[in-house]
PDB file of N, CA and C in Angstrom:
ATOM      1  N   VAL A   1     -17.123  11.036  -7.311  1.00  0.00           N
ATOM      2  CA  VAL A   1     -16.953   9.790  -6.662  1.00  0.00           C
ATOM      3  C   VAL A   1     -16.764   9.671  -4.950  1.00  0.00           C
ATOM      4  N   HIS A   2     -17.254   9.047  -4.205  1.00  0.00           N
ATOM      5  CA  HIS A   2     -18.364   9.192  -3.097  1.00  0.00           C
ATOM      6  C   HIS A   2     -18.010   7.915  -2.503  1.00  0.00           C
ATOM      7  N   GLY A   3     -17.415   7.086  -0.892  1.00  0.00           N
ATOM      8  CA  GLY A   3     -17.212   6.269  -1.254  1.00  0.00           C
ATOM      9  C   GLY A   3     -16.212   5.305  -0.827  1.00  0.00           C
ATOM     10  N   SER A   4     -16.360   4.221  -0.432  1.00  0.00           N
ATOM     11  CA  SER A   4     -14.760   3.223   0.100  1.00  0.00           C
ATOM     12  C   SER A   4     -14.541   2.562  -1.452  1.00  0.00           C
ATOM     13  N   SER A   5     -12.669   2.195  -1.579  1.00  0.00           N
ATOM     14  CA  SER A   5     -12.250   2.333  -2.251  1.00  0.00           C
ATOM     15  C   SER A   5     -12.181   0.911  -2.801  1.00  0.00           C
ATOM     16  N   THR A   6     -12.969   0.328  -1.478  1.00  0.00           N
ATOM     17  CA  THR A   6     -12.797  -1.861  -1.205  1.00  0.00           C
ATOM     18  C   THR A   6     -14.293  -1.927  -1.883  1.00  0.00           C
ATOM     19  N   SER A   7     -14.422  -1.174  -2.793  1.00  0.00           N
ATOM     20  CA  SER A   7     -16.078  -1.507  -2.946  1.00  0.00           C
ATOM     21  C   SER A   7     -15.692  -1.108  -4.649  1.00  0.00           C
ATOM     22  N   PHE A   8     -16.131  -2.136  -5.543  1.00  0.00           N
ATOM     23  CA  PHE A   8     -16.633  -2.897  -7.281  1.00  0.00           C
ATOM     24  C   PHE A   8     -17.411  -1.165  -7.436  1.00  0.00           C
ATOM     25  N   GLU A   9     -18.603  -1.136  -6.780  1.00  0.00           N
ATOM     26  CA  GLU A   9     -18.845   0.366  -7.368  1.00  0.00           C
ATOM     27  C   GLU A   9     -18.825   1.369  -7.597  1.00  0.00           C
ATOM     28  N   VAL A  10     -17.972   1.673  -6.069  1.00  0.00           N
ATOM     29  CA  VAL A  10     -17.025   3.243  -5.937  1.00  0.00           C
ATOM     30  C   VAL A  10     -16.329   2.641  -7.452  1.00  0.00           C
ATOM     31  N   LEU A  11     -15.744   1.010  -7.351  1.00  0.00           N
ATOM     32  CA  LEU A  11     -14.160   1.548  -7.994  1.00  0.00           C
ATOM     33  C   LEU A  11     -14.806   2.046  -9.586  1.00  0.00           C
ATOM     34  N   LYS A  12     -15.673   0.768  -9.880  1.00  0.00           N
ATOM     35  CA  LYS A  12     -16.728   1.092 -11.072  1.00  0.00           C
ATOM     36  C   LYS A  12     -16.903   2.631 -11.429  1.00  0.00           C
ATOM     37  N   GLN A  13     -17.804   3.449 -11.183  1.00  0.00           N
ATOM     38  CA  GLN A  13     -17.644   4.852 -10.626  1.00  0.00           C
ATOM     39  C   GLN A  13     -17.039   5.883 -11.031  1.00  0.00           C
ATOM     40  N   ALA A  14     -15.344   5.933 -10.700  1.00  0.00           N
ATOM     41  CA  ALA A  14     -14.389   5.585 -10.927  1.00  0.00           C
ATOM     42  C   ALA A  14     -13.959   6.007 -12.056  1.00  0.00           C
ATOM     43  N   ARG A  15     -14.555   4.961 -12.755  1.00  0.00           N
ATOM     44  CA  ARG A  15     -13.857   4.705 -13.725  1.00  0.00           C
ATOM     45  C   ARG A  15     -11.994   3.712 -14.290  1.00  0.00           C
ATOM     46  N   VAL A  16     -11.902   2.242 -12.899  1.00  0.00           N
ATOM     47  CA  VAL A  16     -10.593   2.521 -12.531  1.00  0.00           C
ATOM     48  C   VAL A  16     -10.384   1.331 -13.443  1.00  0.00           C
ATOM     49  N   GLU A  17     -10.879   1.178 -14.458  1.00  0.00           N
ATOM     50  CA  GLU A  17     -11.007   0.177 -15.730  1.00  0.00           C
ATOM     51  C   GLU A  17      -9.433   0.899 -16.092  1.00  0.00           C
ATOM     52  N   GLU A  18      -9.603   2.561 -16.690  1.00  0.00           N
ATOM     53  CA  GLU A  18      -9.743   3.723 -17.295  1.00  0.00           C
ATOM     54  C   GLU A  18      -7.486   4.503 -17.016  1.00  0.00           C
ATOM     55  N   ALA A  19      -7.660   3.928 -15.986  1.00  0.00           N
ATOM     56  CA  ALA A  19      -6.357   4.586 -15.007  1.00  0.00           C
ATOM     57  C   ALA A  19      -5.191   3.485 -14.988  1.00  0.00           C
ATOM     58  N   ASP A  20      -3.690   4.654 -15.458  1.00  0.00           N
ATOM     59  CA  ASP A  20      -3.011   4.310 -16.025  1.00  0.00           C
ATOM     60  C   ASP A  20      -2.361   3.176 -14.466  1.00  0.00           C
ATOM     61  N   LEU A  21      -2.627   4.390 -13.742  1.00  0.00           N
ATOM     62  CA  LEU A  21      -2.272   3.751 -11.981  1.00  0.00           C
ATOM     63  C   LEU A  21      -3.521   4.230 -11.267  1.00  0.00           C
ATOM     64  N   VAL A  22      -3.200   3.198 -10.167  1.00  0.00           N
ATOM     65  CA  VAL A  22      -3.768   3.199  -9.359  1.00  0.00           C
ATOM     66  C   VAL A  22      -3.283   3.106  -7.619  1.00  0.00           C
ATOM     67  N   LEU A  23      -3.014   4.591  -7.464  1.00  0.00           N
ATOM     68  CA  LEU A  23      -2.225   4.680  -6.059  1.00  0.00           C
ATOM     69  C   LEU A  23      -3.583   4.368  -4.791  1.00  0.00           C
ATOM     70  N   ALA A  24      -3.386   3.328  -4.001  1.00  0.00           N
ATOM     71  CA  ALA A  24      -3.774   3.218  -2.799  1.00  0.00           C
ATOM     72  C   ALA A  24      -2.912   3.234  -1.160  1.00  0.00           C
ATOM     73  N   VAL A  25      -3.197   4.743  -1.022  1.00  0.00           N
ATOM     74  CA  VAL A  25      -1.980   5.391   0.423  1.00  0.00           C
ATOM     75  C   VAL A  25      -2.948   5.487   1.578  1.00  0.00           C
ATOM     76  N   THR A  26      -4.388   5.178   1.945  1.00  0.00           N
ATOM     77  CA  THR A  26      -4.939   5.663   3.044  1.00  0.00           C
ATOM     78  C   THR A  26      -4.115   5.480   4.085  1.00  0.00           C
ATOM     79  N   SER A  27      -4.425   5.479   5.073  1.00  0.00           N
ATOM     80  CA  SER A  27      -3.757   4.975   6.607  1.00  0.00           C
ATOM     81  C   SER A  27      -4.029   3.514   6.733  1.00  0.00           C
ATOM     82  N   ASN A  28      -4.966   2.895   6.153  1.00  0.00           N
ATOM     83  CA  ASN A  28      -5.518   1.819   5.950  1.00  0.00           C
ATOM     84  C   ASN A  28      -4.958   0.866   6.021  1.00  0.00           C
ATOM     85  N   GLU A  29      -4.003  -0.488   5.725  1.00  0.00           N
ATOM     86  CA  GLU A  29      -3.142  -1.352   5.025  1.00  0.00           C
ATOM     87  C   GLU A  29      -3.753  -2.258   4.315  1.00  0.00           C
ATOM     88  N   GLU A  30      -5.576  -2.269   5.176  1.00  0.00           N
ATOM     89  CA  GLU A  30      -5.729  -3.640   4.549  1.00  0.00           C
ATOM     90  C   GLU A  30      -6.846  -3.091   3.195  1.00  0.00           C
ATOM     91  N   VAL A  31      -7.199  -1.899   3.666  1.00  0.00           N
ATOM     92  CA  VAL A  31      -7.964  -0.898   2.340  1.00  0.00           C
ATOM     93  C   VAL A  31      -7.296  -1.166   1.189  1.00  0.00           C
ATOM     94  N   ASN A  32      -5.581  -0.726   1.757  1.00  0.00           N
ATOM     95  CA  ASN A  32      -5.034  -0.212   0.639  1.00  0.00           C
ATOM     96  C   ASN A  32      -4.788  -2.082  -0.200  1.00  0.00           C
ATOM     97  N   LEU A  33      -4.395  -2.639   0.351  1.00  0.00           N
ATOM     98  CA  LEU A  33      -3.944  -3.696  -0.505  1.00  0.00           C
ATOM     99  C   LEU A  33      -5.278  -4.154  -2.157  1.00  0.00           C
ATOM    100  N   VAL A  34      -6.536  -4.194  -0.810  1.00  0.00           N
ATOM    101  CA  VAL A  34      -8.021  -5.039  -0.930  1.00  0.00           C
ATOM    102  C   VAL A  34      -8.180  -3.902  -2.879  1.00  0.00           C
ATOM    103  N   THR A  35      -8.102  -2.306  -1.875  1.00  0.00           N
ATOM    104  CA  THR A  35      -7.823  -1.385  -3.104  1.00  0.00           C
ATOM    105  C   THR A  35      -7.461  -1.534  -4.458  1.00  0.00           C
ATOM    106  N   ALA A  36      -6.147  -2.170  -4.343  1.00  0.00           N
ATOM    107  CA  ALA A  36      -4.892  -2.246  -5.373  1.00  0.00           C
ATOM    108  C   ALA A  36      -5.310  -3.539  -5.952  1.00  0.00           C
ATOM    109  N   MET A  37      -5.202  -4.594  -5.599  1.00  0.00           N
ATOM    110  CA  MET A  37      -6.255  -6.469  -6.081  1.00  0.00           C
ATOM    111  C   MET A  37      -7.526  -5.402  -6.431  1.00  0.00           C
ATOM    112  N   LEU A  38      -8.386  -5.488  -5.947  1.00  0.00           N
ATOM    113  CA  LEU A  38      -9.556  -4.998  -7.438  1.00  0.00           C
ATOM    114  C   LEU A  38      -9.271  -3.918  -8.738  1.00  0.00           C
ATOM    115  N   ALA A  39      -8.384  -3.217  -8.101  1.00  0.00           N
ATOM    116  CA  ALA A  39      -8.194  -2.261  -9.490  1.00  0.00           C
ATOM    117  C   ALA A  39      -7.859  -2.673 -10.174  1.00  0.00           C
ATOM    118  N   ARG A  40      -6.796  -3.387  -9.839  1.00  0.00           N
ATOM    119  CA  ARG A  40      -6.338  -4.454 -11.205  1.00  0.00           C
ATOM    120  C   ARG A  40      -7.497  -5.473 -11.837  1.00  0.00           C
ATOM    121  N   GLU A  41      -7.711  -6.431 -11.249  1.00  0.00           N
ATOM    122  CA  GLU A  41      -8.794  -6.731 -11.575  1.00  0.00           C
ATOM    123  C   GLU A  41      -9.850  -6.583 -12.928  1.00  0.00           C
ATOM    124  N   LEU A  42     -10.374  -5.108 -12.464  1.00  0.00           N
ATOM    125  CA  LEU A  42     -11.642  -4.067 -13.391  1.00  0.00           C
ATOM    126  C   LEU A  42     -10.725  -3.756 -14.273  1.00  0.00           C
ATOM    127  N   GLY A  43      -9.136  -3.772 -14.169  1.00  0.00           N
ATOM    128  CA  GLY A  43      -8.826  -3.211 -15.522  1.00  0.00           C
ATOM    129  C   GLY A  43      -8.329  -2.302 -15.322  1.00  0.00           C
ATOM    130  N   ALA A  44      -6.988  -1.457 -14.662  1.00  0.00           N
ATOM    131  CA  ALA A  44      -5.963  -0.697 -13.933  1.00  0.00           C
ATOM    132  C   ALA A  44      -5.154  -0.924 -14.859  1.00  0.00           C
ATOM    133  N   ALA A  45      -4.186  -0.599 -15.392  1.00  0.00           N
ATOM    134  CA  ALA A  45      -2.837  -0.727 -15.782  1.00  0.00           C
ATOM    135  C   ALA A  45      -1.510  -1.846 -14.399  1.00  0.00           C
ATOM    136  N   ARG A  46      -1.992  -0.054 -13.684  1.00  0.00           N
ATOM    137  CA  ARG A  46      -0.891  -0.288 -11.955  1.00  0.00           C
ATOM    138  C   ARG A  46      -1.500  -0.026 -11.086  1.00  0.00           C
ATOM    139  N   THR A  47      -1.119  -0.484 -10.190  1.00  0.00           N
ATOM    140  CA  THR A  47      -1.386  -0.666  -8.708  1.00  0.00           C
ATOM    141  C   THR A  47      -0.214  -0.512  -7.692  1.00  0.00           C
ATOM    142  N   LEU A  48      -0.302   0.524  -6.309  1.00  0.00           N
ATOM    143  CA  LEU A  48       0.460   0.485  -6.102  1.00  0.00           C
ATOM    144  C   LEU A  48      -0.007   0.890  -4.532  1.00  0.00           C
ATOM    145  N   ALA A  49       0.490  -0.074  -3.715  1.00  0.00           N
ATOM    146  CA  ALA A  49      -0.054  -0.220  -2.069  1.00  0.00           C
ATOM    147  C   ALA A  49       0.813   0.451  -1.094  1.00  0.00           C
ATOM    148  N   ARG A  50       0.029   1.725  -0.301  1.00  0.00           N
ATOM    149  CA  ARG A  50       1.407   1.378   0.472  1.00  0.00           C
ATOM    150  C   ARG A  50       1.115   0.508   2.179  1.00  0.00           C
ATOM    151  N   VAL A  51       1.583  -0.021   2.596  1.00  0.00           N
ATOM    152  CA  VAL A  51       1.618  -0.819   3.769  1.00  0.00           C
ATOM    153  C   VAL A  51       2.680  -0.059   5.018  1.00  0.00           C
ATOM    154  N   THR A  52       1.994  -0.580   6.135  1.00  0.00           N
ATOM    155  CA  THR A  52       2.644  -0.241   7.828  1.00  0.00           C
ATOM    156  C   THR A  52       3.736  -2.094   8.553  1.00  0.00           C
ATOM    157  N   ASN A  53       3.063  -2.899   8.126  1.00  0.00           N
ATOM    158  CA  ASN A  53       3.675  -3.688   8.065  1.00  0.00           C
ATOM    159  C   ASN A  53       5.212  -4.244   7.076  1.00  0.00           C
ATOM    160  N   GLY A  54       6.252  -4.001   8.051  1.00  0.00           N
ATOM    161  CA  GLY A  54       7.737  -3.626   7.173  1.00  0.00           C
ATOM    162  C   GLY A  54       7.869  -5.009   6.430  1.00  0.00           C
ATOM    163  N   GLU A  55       7.588  -6.038   6.984  1.00  0.00           N
ATOM    164  CA  GLU A  55       7.353  -8.273   6.752  1.00  0.00           C
ATOM    165  C   GLU A  55       6.797  -8.503   5.392  1.00  0.00           C
ATOM    166  N   TYR A  56       5.568  -7.058   5.035  1.00  0.00           N
ATOM    167  CA  TYR A  56       5.328  -6.839   3.536  1.00  0.00           C
ATOM    168  C   TYR A  56       6.002  -6.599   2.625  1.00  0.00           C
ATOM    169  N   VAL A  57       7.730  -5.622   2.834  1.00  0.00           N
ATOM    170  CA  VAL A  57       8.618  -5.731   1.343  1.00  0.00           C
ATOM    171  C   VAL A  57       9.541  -6.605   1.830  1.00  0.00           C
ATOM    172  N   SER A  58       9.563  -7.146   2.729  1.00  0.00           N
ATOM    173  CA  SER A  58      10.835  -7.824   2.542  1.00  0.00           C
ATOM    174  C   SER A  58      11.147  -9.392   1.985  1.00  0.00           C
ATOM    175  N   ARG A  59      12.950  -8.962   2.189  1.00  0.00           N
ATOM    176  CA  ARG A  59      12.614 -10.183   0.497  1.00  0.00           C
ATOM    177  C   ARG A  59      12.664 -12.173   0.567  1.00  0.00           C
ATOM    178  N   ASN A  60      12.340 -12.695   2.499  1.00  0.00           N
ATOM    179  CA  ASN A  60      12.070 -13.394   2.755  1.00  0.00           C
ATOM    180  C   ASN A  60      10.628 -13.663   3.110  1.00  0.00           C
ATOM    181  N   VAL A  61       9.572 -12.975   2.095  1.00  0.00           N
ATOM    182  CA  VAL A  61       7.864 -13.264   2.409  1.00  0.00           C
ATOM    183  C   VAL A  61       7.989 -13.336   0.949  1.00  0.00           C
ATOM    184  N   PRO A  62       7.666 -14.976   0.890  1.00  0.00           N
ATOM    185  CA  PRO A  62       7.277 -16.035  -0.943  1.00  0.00           C
ATOM    186  C   PRO A  62       5.612 -15.514  -0.690  1.00  0.00           C
ATOM    187  N   VAL A  63       5.378 -13.999  -1.057  1.00  0.00           N
ATOM    188  CA  VAL A  63       3.637 -13.632  -1.499  1.00  0.00           C
ATOM    189  C   VAL A  63       4.621 -13.188  -2.735  1.00  0.00           C
ATOM    190  N   ASP A  64       3.742 -13.419  -3.365  1.00  0.00           N
ATOM    191  CA  ASP A  64       3.628 -12.978  -4.385  1.00  0.00           C
ATOM    192  C   ASP A  64       2.278 -11.550  -4.755  1.00  0.00           C
ATOM    193  N   PHE A  65       3.218 -11.004  -4.486  1.00  0.00           N
ATOM    194  CA  PHE A  65       1.648  -9.711  -4.548  1.00  0.00           C
ATOM    195  C   PHE A  65       1.757  -9.334  -5.679  1.00  0.00           C
ATOM    196  N   ALA A  66       2.728  -9.682  -6.926  1.00  0.00           N
ATOM    197  CA  ALA A  66       2.194  -9.158  -8.027  1.00  0.00           C
ATOM    198  C   ALA A  66       1.020  -9.577  -8.180  1.00  0.00           C
ATOM    199  N   GLY A  67       1.246 -11.240  -7.996  1.00  0.00           N
ATOM    200  CA  GLY A  67       0.458 -12.195  -9.241  1.00  0.00           C
ATOM    201  C   GLY A  67      -0.982 -11.489  -8.212  1.00  0.00           C
ATOM    202  N   MET A  68      -1.251 -10.921  -6.847  1.00  0.00           N
ATOM    203  CA  MET A  68      -2.378 -10.830  -7.126  1.00  0.00           C
ATOM    204  C   MET A  68      -2.694  -9.415  -7.008  1.00  0.00           C
ATOM    205  N   GLY A  69      -2.214  -8.586  -8.411  1.00  0.00           N
ATOM    206  CA  GLY A  69      -3.181  -7.377  -8.960  1.00  0.00           C
ATOM    207  C   GLY A  69      -2.036  -6.248  -8.360  1.00  0.00           C
ATOM    208  N   ILE A  70      -1.271  -6.573  -7.239  1.00  0.00           N
ATOM    209  CA  ILE A  70      -0.432  -5.424  -6.781  1.00  0.00           C
ATOM    210  C   ILE A  70       0.773  -5.506  -7.448  1.00  0.00           C
ATOM    211  N   ASP A  71       1.283  -4.830  -7.947  1.00  0.00           N
ATOM    212  CA  ASP A  71       2.581  -4.090  -8.595  1.00  0.00           C
ATOM    213  C   ASP A  71       3.770  -3.247  -8.434  1.00  0.00           C
ATOM    214  N   GLN A  72       3.138  -2.714  -7.375  1.00  0.00           N
ATOM    215  CA  GLN A  72       4.282  -2.311  -5.476  1.00  0.00           C
ATOM    216  C   GLN A  72       3.665  -1.982  -5.018  1.00  0.00           C
ATOM    217  N   LEU A  73       4.117  -2.245  -3.641  1.00  0.00           N
ATOM    218  CA  LEU A  73       4.431  -1.476  -2.216  1.00  0.00           C
ATOM    219  C   LEU A  73       5.089  -0.183  -2.093  1.00  0.00           C
ATOM    220  N   ILE A  74       4.430   0.027  -1.114  1.00  0.00           N
ATOM    221  CA  ILE A  74       4.972   1.778  -0.127  1.00  0.00           C
ATOM    222  C   ILE A  74       5.410   1.370   1.012  1.00  0.00           C
ATOM    223  N   TYR A  75       6.475   1.607   1.354  1.00  0.00           N
ATOM    224  CA  TYR A  75       6.463   0.801   3.294  1.00  0.00           C
ATOM    225  C   TYR A  75       7.099   2.560   4.289  1.00  0.00           C
ATOM    226  N   PRO A  76       7.010   3.664   4.081  1.00  0.00           N
ATOM    227  CA  PRO A  76       7.300   4.379   4.746  1.00  0.00           C
ATOM    228  C   PRO A  76       8.289   4.737   4.797  1.00  0.00           C
ATOM    229  N   GLU A  77       7.985   3.577   6.307  1.00  0.00           N
ATOM    230  CA  GLU A  77       8.912   3.804   7.258  1.00  0.00           C
ATOM    231  C   GLU A  77      10.707   3.862   5.960  1.00  0.00           C
ATOM    232  N   GLU A  78      10.691   2.716   5.212  1.00  0.00           N
ATOM    233  CA  GLU A  78      12.058   2.662   4.877  1.00  0.00           C
ATOM    234  C   GLU A  78      12.462   3.051   3.845  1.00  0.00           C
ATOM    235  N   LEU A  79      11.508   4.040   2.853  1.00  0.00           N
ATOM    236  CA  LEU A  79      11.411   5.248   2.447  1.00  0.00           C
ATOM    237  C   LEU A  79      12.006   5.979   3.049  1.00  0.00           C
ATOM    238  N   ALA A  80      11.698   7.106   4.555  1.00  0.00           N
ATOM    239  CA  ALA A  80      12.412   7.511   4.490  1.00  0.00           C
ATOM    240  C   ALA A  80      13.586   7.278   5.261  1.00  0.00           C
ATOM    241  N   ALA A  81      14.136   6.508   5.769  1.00  0.00           N
ATOM    242  CA  ALA A  81      15.066   5.125   6.278  1.00  0.00           C
ATOM    243  C   ALA A  81      16.220   5.199   5.455  1.00  0.00           C
ATOM    244  N   THR A  82      15.743   5.395   4.237  1.00  0.00           N
ATOM    245  CA  THR A  82      16.768   5.562   2.835  1.00  0.00           C
ATOM    246  C   THR A  82      17.104   7.142   3.073  1.00  0.00           C
ATOM    247  N   GLU A  83      16.273   7.636   2.414  1.00  0.00           N
ATOM    248  CA  GLU A  83      16.144   9.173   2.456  1.00  0.00           C
ATOM    249  C   GLU A  83      17.391  10.200   3.636  1.00  0.00           C
ATOM    250  N   ILE A  84      16.939   9.414   4.911  1.00  0.00           N
ATOM    251  CA  ILE A  84      18.391   9.371   6.072  1.00  0.00           C
ATOM    252  C   ILE A  84      20.135   9.571   5.944  1.00  0.00           C
ATOM    253  N   ILE A  85      19.943   8.023   5.406  1.00  0.00           N
ATOM    254  CA  ILE A  85      21.055   7.863   5.148  1.00  0.00           C
ATOM    255  C   ILE A  85      21.862   8.411   4.161  1.00  0.00           C
ATOM    256  N   LYS A  86      21.096   9.076   3.366  1.00  0.00           N
ATOM    257  CA  LYS A  86      21.886   8.991   1.921  1.00  0.00           C
ATOM    258  C   LYS A  86      22.155  11.194   2.401  1.00  0.00           C
TER     259      LYS A  86
END
């Protein structure tokens, strides 16, 4: 399948409704968030989106990403820092 992951038609062609997990990990944060939301809306069992804005993973942010269909956010900088500290 070729096309934008933010397109309903492209996601349908990819049979996203059959997916156990959709990973949205492009370098574009907005594309990742929209892809995860659309994938869940179309029936994906679980979604994960990569973000570059650390505010999104802060505990002080009053945004319900799960309510938007995004099960987990990945913030690579935080993951790397955690590994370095170990």
